[in-house]
Amino acid sequence: MKLTTGKLNNNLDQIRNPKLKRDLYTDSSVLNSARKQFFIGVILLGIPLILYLISLIYKPYGVTEMNPLDRFQGPSVKHWFGTDNYGRDVFVRAMSAFPITIFVSLGINFIGCFFGSIIGALSGYFAGVLDYIFSRLTEALLSIPMILMGLLFVSSFGNGVIQVIVALGIMFIPSYARIVRSGFLEYRQRNFVKRLQLLGSSSGRIIFKHLFPLIKSRLLSALALGFSNAILAESSLSFLGLGVPTDQITWGRMLKDAQGFVFQGVSAAIFPGILIVVIVLGSFFVSHSFKLRDQENKL
């Protein structure tokens, strides 16, 4: 009877104690929600990838193959995504645009994350004057409209994939820098950091071995969201004629090419748009799953 009463009292204590309630309910529910959202995001991101793999096996038309008799065709067995104003197969073109669209997005985020993480880590860990200088630099970058930066690069260095990646990558640096900086400011005054400093650990060792792993979830969340944001940014530049050259295809370039005849052949615009939306939604779910994991780790 005493044992039963003891168990009952322990259960009551767990219910009354917010911390124990969190351990009993919140952790599992947050993790389950994170897993579900990650799973949904992966499925959505897998759709364009599966279509691309299919296109490697089944490619009945060339990327630039024209057929004036099949202009503005809707989706059919012959043309899965329809045709554009030149009679080109939209599915083949959209799948041909997949690698370069992904490459541009990854390149943009690599530049933004790499340099942003360095700036954010130095700013957050050392603080003081260094933090002030880097904070002003990131604020200056944020004050420049992304379209203006793209226009400056295109007019100065020409219209190309590398120019788009560099221009947009620079504009992504402040967001990553702020995320890393906030994480380092949160942990730099913790006791374990002070102990490591007293034990003689170098700043580099503390930053890369101990602090970066603590902000891994929020950085992965930013990367997932940045992946979709980069695709949207490139699409915006291409839609305005500031993106990749006309001889290279991205989904944004396809939307640009289709804008003049969207009412005659909606398929040429709607399917690249759908692929962009699917990527954005998938990235959002993956990003939010990492964000939930980071929140759960803070509890």
Protein backbone atom coordinates (compact mmCIF):
# COMPACT_ATOMS: atom_id res chain seq x y z
CA MET A 1 0.00 0.00 0.00
CA LYS A 2 2.86 2.33 0.81
CA LEU A 3 4.44 1.57 -2.52
CA THR A 4 1.20 2.33 -4.33
CA THR A 5 0.76 5.56 -2.40
CA GLY A 6 4.35 6.52 -3.16
CA LYS A 7 3.79 5.97 -6.86
CA LEU A 8 0.60 8.00 -6.70
CA ASN A 9 2.36 10.84 -4.93
CA ASN A 10 5.14 10.77 -7.52
CA ASN A 11 2.59 10.97 -10.32
CA LEU A 12 0.85 13.88 -8.61
CA ASP A 13 4.17 15.64 -8.16
CA GLN A 14 4.90 15.14 -11.85
CA ILE A 15 1.56 16.66 -12.82
CA ARG A 16 1.97 19.63 -10.46
CA ASN A 17 5.59 20.28 -11.38
CA PRO A 18 5.75 22.18 -14.71
CA LYS A 19 9.25 20.88 -15.45
CA LEU A 20 8.22 17.28 -14.94
CA LYS A 21 5.03 17.86 -16.95
CA ARG A 22 7.18 19.14 -19.75
CA ASP A 23 9.33 16.01 -19.59
CA LEU A 24 6.25 13.77 -19.63
CA TYR A 25 4.22 15.41 -22.36
CA THR A 26 5.96 18.25 -24.17
CA ASP A 27 9.14 16.47 -25.21
CA SER A 28 7.36 13.57 -26.87
CA SER A 29 4.70 15.74 -28.53
CA VAL A 30 7.24 18.22 -29.87
CA LEU A 31 9.47 15.46 -31.21
CA ASN A 32 6.53 13.67 -32.82
CA SER A 33 5.41 16.90 -34.48
CA ALA A 34 8.97 17.54 -35.67
CA ARG A 35 9.21 14.04 -37.15
CA LYS A 36 5.88 14.37 -38.95
CA GLN A 37 6.76 17.74 -40.43
CA PHE A 38 10.19 16.50 -41.49
CA PHE A 39 8.56 13.47 -43.16
CA ILE A 40 6.03 15.66 -45.01
CA GLY A 41 8.80 18.02 -46.11
CA VAL A 42 10.97 15.19 -47.43
CA ILE A 43 8.02 13.78 -49.41
CA LEU A 44 7.33 17.18 -50.99
CA LEU A 45 11.00 17.74 -51.80
CA GLY A 46 11.15 14.24 -53.26
CA ILE A 47 8.43 14.92 -55.84
CA PRO A 48 10.58 17.10 -58.17
CA LEU A 49 13.52 14.73 -57.64
CA ILE A 50 11.46 11.69 -58.67
CA LEU A 51 10.17 13.54 -61.74
CA TYR A 52 13.74 14.46 -62.64
CA LEU A 53 14.88 10.83 -62.32
CA ILE A 54 11.97 9.77 -64.55
CA SER A 55 13.01 12.37 -67.12
CA LEU A 56 16.48 10.81 -67.27
CA ILE A 57 14.88 7.56 -68.43
CA TYR A 58 11.92 8.93 -70.38
CA LYS A 59 12.81 11.93 -72.53
CA PRO A 60 10.79 11.77 -75.77
CA TYR A 61 11.74 15.30 -76.85
CA GLY A 62 14.83 17.45 -76.86
CA VAL A 63 15.06 20.45 -74.56
CA THR A 64 15.07 22.88 -77.48
CA GLU A 65 13.04 20.74 -79.89
CA MET A 66 10.27 22.86 -81.43
CA ASN A 67 7.00 21.79 -83.03
CA PRO A 68 4.89 24.77 -84.18
CA LEU A 69 1.91 22.48 -84.75
CA ASP A 70 1.82 21.62 -81.02
CA ARG A 71 1.95 25.17 -79.65
CA PHE A 72 0.06 25.91 -76.40
CA GLN A 73 -0.98 22.29 -75.85
CA GLY A 74 -2.45 21.35 -72.48
CA PRO A 75 -1.31 18.38 -70.37
CA SER A 76 -1.74 15.07 -72.20
CA VAL A 77 -0.20 11.63 -72.55
CA LYS A 78 2.00 13.02 -75.31
CA HIS A 79 3.04 16.14 -73.38
CA TRP A 80 2.70 15.63 -69.62
CA PHE A 81 3.01 19.33 -68.74
CA GLY A 82 1.81 20.67 -72.09
CA THR A 83 3.82 22.82 -74.50
CA ASP A 84 4.92 26.45 -74.74
CA ASN A 85 4.66 29.04 -77.52
CA TYR A 86 7.28 27.25 -79.62
CA GLY A 87 5.74 23.82 -79.16
CA ARG A 88 8.52 22.74 -76.78
CA ASP A 89 7.66 20.12 -74.18
CA VAL A 90 7.28 21.84 -70.79
CA PHE A 91 7.98 18.67 -68.77
CA VAL A 92 11.31 18.08 -70.51
CA ARG A 93 12.30 21.72 -70.08
CA ALA A 94 11.21 21.86 -66.43
CA MET A 95 13.20 18.73 -65.61
CA SER A 96 16.21 20.06 -67.51
CA ALA A 97 15.94 23.19 -65.35
CA PHE A 98 15.96 21.15 -62.12
CA PRO A 99 19.75 20.67 -61.75
CA ILE A 100 20.70 24.28 -62.44
CA THR A 101 17.90 25.58 -60.20
CA ILE A 102 19.15 23.40 -57.34
CA PHE A 103 22.78 24.30 -58.08
CA VAL A 104 22.02 28.02 -57.94
CA SER A 105 20.11 27.64 -54.67
CA LEU A 106 22.86 25.55 -53.05
CA GLY A 107 25.54 27.99 -54.23
CA ILE A 108 23.66 30.97 -52.82
CA ASN A 109 23.21 29.28 -49.45
CA PHE A 110 26.81 28.08 -49.35
CA ILE A 111 28.09 31.64 -49.69
CA GLY A 112 25.51 33.00 -47.25
CA CYS A 113 25.99 30.28 -44.64
CA PHE A 114 29.80 30.07 -44.85
CA PHE A 115 30.56 33.77 -44.54
CA GLY A 116 27.52 34.46 -42.37
CA SER A 117 28.54 31.77 -39.89
CA ILE A 118 32.08 33.14 -39.65
CA ILE A 119 30.85 36.69 -39.11
CA GLY A 120 28.15 35.60 -36.65
CA ALA A 121 30.53 33.38 -34.67
CA LEU A 122 33.21 36.05 -34.31
CA SER A 123 30.63 38.71 -33.52
CA GLY A 124 28.75 36.63 -30.95
CA TYR A 125 31.74 35.04 -29.24
CA PHE A 126 34.08 38.00 -28.92
CA ALA A 127 31.36 40.71 -28.74
CA GLY A 128 32.59 44.24 -28.01
CA VAL A 129 34.03 46.30 -30.86
CA LEU A 130 34.09 43.33 -33.25
CA ASP A 131 30.39 42.74 -32.68
CA TYR A 132 29.65 46.42 -33.29
CA ILE A 133 31.58 46.48 -36.59
CA PHE A 134 30.04 43.28 -37.93
CA SER A 135 26.55 44.31 -36.83
CA ARG A 136 26.85 47.57 -38.74
CA LEU A 137 28.11 45.71 -41.82
CA THR A 138 25.19 43.27 -41.79
CA GLU A 139 22.73 46.13 -41.29
CA ALA A 140 24.28 47.91 -44.27
CA LEU A 141 23.82 44.80 -46.42
CA LEU A 142 20.22 44.42 -45.27
CA SER A 143 19.51 47.99 -46.34
CA ILE A 144 20.33 47.14 -49.98
CA PRO A 145 17.35 45.73 -51.91
CA MET A 146 18.08 42.29 -53.32
CA ILE A 147 16.89 43.26 -56.80
CA LEU A 148 19.23 46.28 -56.79
CA MET A 149 22.19 44.07 -55.86
CA GLY A 150 21.30 41.72 -58.69
CA LEU A 151 21.04 44.62 -61.11
CA LEU A 152 24.44 45.98 -60.02
CA PHE A 153 26.14 42.62 -60.52
CA VAL A 154 24.52 41.98 -63.88
CA SER A 155 25.42 45.43 -65.18
CA SER A 156 28.99 45.22 -63.81
CA PHE A 157 29.98 41.60 -64.43
CA GLY A 158 27.53 40.34 -67.02
CA ASN A 159 24.55 38.02 -66.96
CA GLY A 160 25.50 34.54 -65.76
CA VAL A 161 24.91 31.80 -63.22
CA ILE A 162 27.98 32.66 -61.14
CA GLN A 163 27.01 36.33 -61.03
CA VAL A 164 23.53 35.43 -59.77
CA ILE A 165 24.96 33.08 -57.13
CA VAL A 166 27.47 35.65 -55.87
CA ALA A 167 25.00 38.55 -55.87
CA LEU A 168 22.27 36.68 -54.01
CA GLY A 169 24.78 34.83 -51.81
CA ILE A 170 26.07 38.15 -50.49
CA MET A 171 22.52 39.19 -49.67
CA PHE A 172 21.99 35.96 -47.70
CA ILE A 173 25.00 36.57 -45.45
CA PRO A 174 23.25 38.87 -42.91
CA SER A 175 20.45 36.40 -42.12
CA TYR A 176 22.89 33.57 -41.33
CA ALA A 177 25.17 35.94 -39.42
CA ARG A 178 22.30 37.03 -37.18
CA ILE A 179 21.23 33.45 -36.44
CA VAL A 180 24.74 32.34 -35.47
CA ARG A 181 25.40 35.54 -33.53
CA SER A 182 22.24 35.18 -31.44
CA GLY A 183 23.11 31.57 -30.63
CA PHE A 184 26.66 32.43 -29.59
CA LEU A 185 25.50 35.36 -27.47
CA GLU A 186 23.11 32.97 -25.73
CA TYR A 187 25.79 30.40 -24.85
CA ARG A 188 29.03 32.38 -24.51
CA GLN A 189 28.35 33.29 -20.87
CA ARG A 190 27.38 29.77 -19.81
CA ASN A 191 29.45 28.13 -17.09
CA PHE A 192 30.76 25.35 -19.33
CA VAL A 193 32.28 27.94 -21.69
CA LYS A 194 33.98 29.70 -18.79
CA ARG A 195 35.34 26.36 -17.53
CA LEU A 196 36.71 25.55 -20.98
CA GLN A 197 38.41 28.94 -21.10
CA LEU A 198 39.93 28.37 -17.66
CA LEU A 199 41.18 24.96 -18.76
CA GLY A 200 43.04 26.63 -21.61
CA SER A 201 40.84 25.65 -24.55
CA SER A 202 41.43 27.87 -27.55
CA SER A 203 38.69 30.10 -28.89
CA GLY A 204 38.63 28.14 -32.14
CA ARG A 205 38.13 24.85 -30.30
CA ILE A 206 35.32 26.29 -28.18
CA ILE A 207 33.62 27.82 -31.21
CA PHE A 208 33.76 24.83 -33.56
CA LYS A 209 33.66 21.89 -31.16
CA HIS A 210 31.30 23.15 -28.47
CA LEU A 211 29.23 26.14 -29.61
CA PHE A 212 28.41 25.29 -33.22
CA PRO A 213 26.93 21.88 -32.27
CA LEU A 214 24.59 23.67 -29.84
CA ILE A 215 23.09 25.80 -32.62
CA LYS A 216 23.04 22.99 -35.18
CA SER A 217 19.24 22.68 -35.23
CA ARG A 218 18.59 26.38 -35.77
CA LEU A 219 21.29 26.54 -38.45
CA LEU A 220 19.79 23.55 -40.27
CA SER A 221 16.40 25.22 -40.01
CA ALA A 222 17.83 28.37 -41.59
CA LEU A 223 19.49 26.33 -44.35
CA ALA A 224 16.26 24.54 -45.23
CA LEU A 225 14.34 27.80 -45.37
CA GLY A 226 17.19 29.53 -47.18
CA PHE A 227 17.10 26.82 -49.85
CA SER A 228 13.55 27.75 -50.84
CA ASN A 229 14.20 31.49 -50.41
CA ALA A 230 17.12 31.25 -52.82
CA ILE A 231 14.92 29.59 -55.45
CA LEU A 232 12.34 32.34 -55.00
CA ALA A 233 15.02 35.04 -55.22
CA GLU A 234 16.52 33.56 -58.39
CA SER A 235 13.04 33.20 -59.88
CA SER A 236 12.32 36.85 -59.11
CA LEU A 237 15.53 38.00 -60.78
CA SER A 238 14.93 35.77 -63.80
CA PHE A 239 11.35 36.98 -64.08
CA LEU A 240 12.70 40.54 -64.31
CA GLY A 241 15.30 39.50 -66.87
CA LEU A 242 18.21 39.76 -64.40
CA GLY A 243 18.77 36.06 -63.78
CA VAL A 244 20.55 33.35 -65.73
CA PRO A 245 21.18 33.79 -69.48
CA THR A 246 18.56 32.74 -72.00
CA ASP A 247 20.61 29.71 -73.09
CA GLN A 248 20.33 28.23 -69.59
CA ILE A 249 17.03 27.12 -68.10
CA THR A 250 15.73 27.59 -64.58
CA TRP A 251 12.16 27.55 -63.35
CA GLY A 252 12.33 31.30 -62.92
CA ARG A 253 13.53 31.70 -66.51
CA MET A 254 10.63 29.51 -67.69
CA LEU A 255 8.18 31.79 -65.88
CA LYS A 256 9.86 34.79 -67.51
CA ASP A 257 9.51 33.21 -70.97
CA ALA A 258 5.86 32.29 -70.35
CA GLN A 259 4.66 35.67 -69.06
CA GLY A 260 3.88 37.03 -72.52
CA PHE A 261 1.43 34.27 -73.45
CA VAL A 262 0.11 33.07 -70.12
CA PHE A 263 -3.52 33.25 -71.27
CA GLN A 264 -2.88 31.29 -74.46
CA GLY A 265 -0.79 28.55 -72.87
CA VAL A 266 -1.13 28.52 -69.10
CA SER A 267 0.67 25.17 -68.79
CA ALA A 268 4.02 26.74 -69.63
CA ALA A 269 3.72 29.00 -66.57
CA ILE A 270 1.70 26.96 -64.10
CA PHE A 271 3.87 23.84 -63.91
CA PRO A 272 7.20 25.59 -63.21
CA GLY A 273 5.27 27.65 -60.64
CA ILE A 274 3.88 24.48 -59.04
CA LEU A 275 7.36 22.98 -58.80
CA ILE A 276 8.61 26.13 -57.07
CA VAL A 277 5.67 26.04 -54.63
CA VAL A 278 6.30 22.35 -53.86
CA ILE A 279 9.97 23.06 -53.13
CA VAL A 280 9.08 26.05 -50.94
CA LEU A 281 6.47 24.09 -48.95
CA GLY A 282 8.78 21.11 -48.52
CA SER A 283 11.63 23.32 -47.34
CA PHE A 284 9.28 25.09 -44.93
CA PHE A 285 8.19 21.82 -43.30
CA VAL A 286 11.78 20.60 -42.99
CA SER A 287 12.87 23.98 -41.61
CA HIS A 288 10.05 24.03 -39.08
CA SER A 289 10.88 20.49 -37.94
CA PHE A 290 14.44 21.58 -37.12
CA LYS A 291 13.06 24.66 -35.38
CA LEU A 292 10.84 22.47 -33.18
CA ARG A 293 13.82 20.30 -32.30
CA ASP A 294 15.81 23.38 -31.33
CA GLN A 295 12.96 24.60 -29.12
CA GLU A 296 12.71 21.16 -27.52
CA ASN A 297 16.45 21.17 -26.80
CA LYS A 298 16.11 24.53 -25.04
CA LEU A 299 13.45 23.22 -22.65
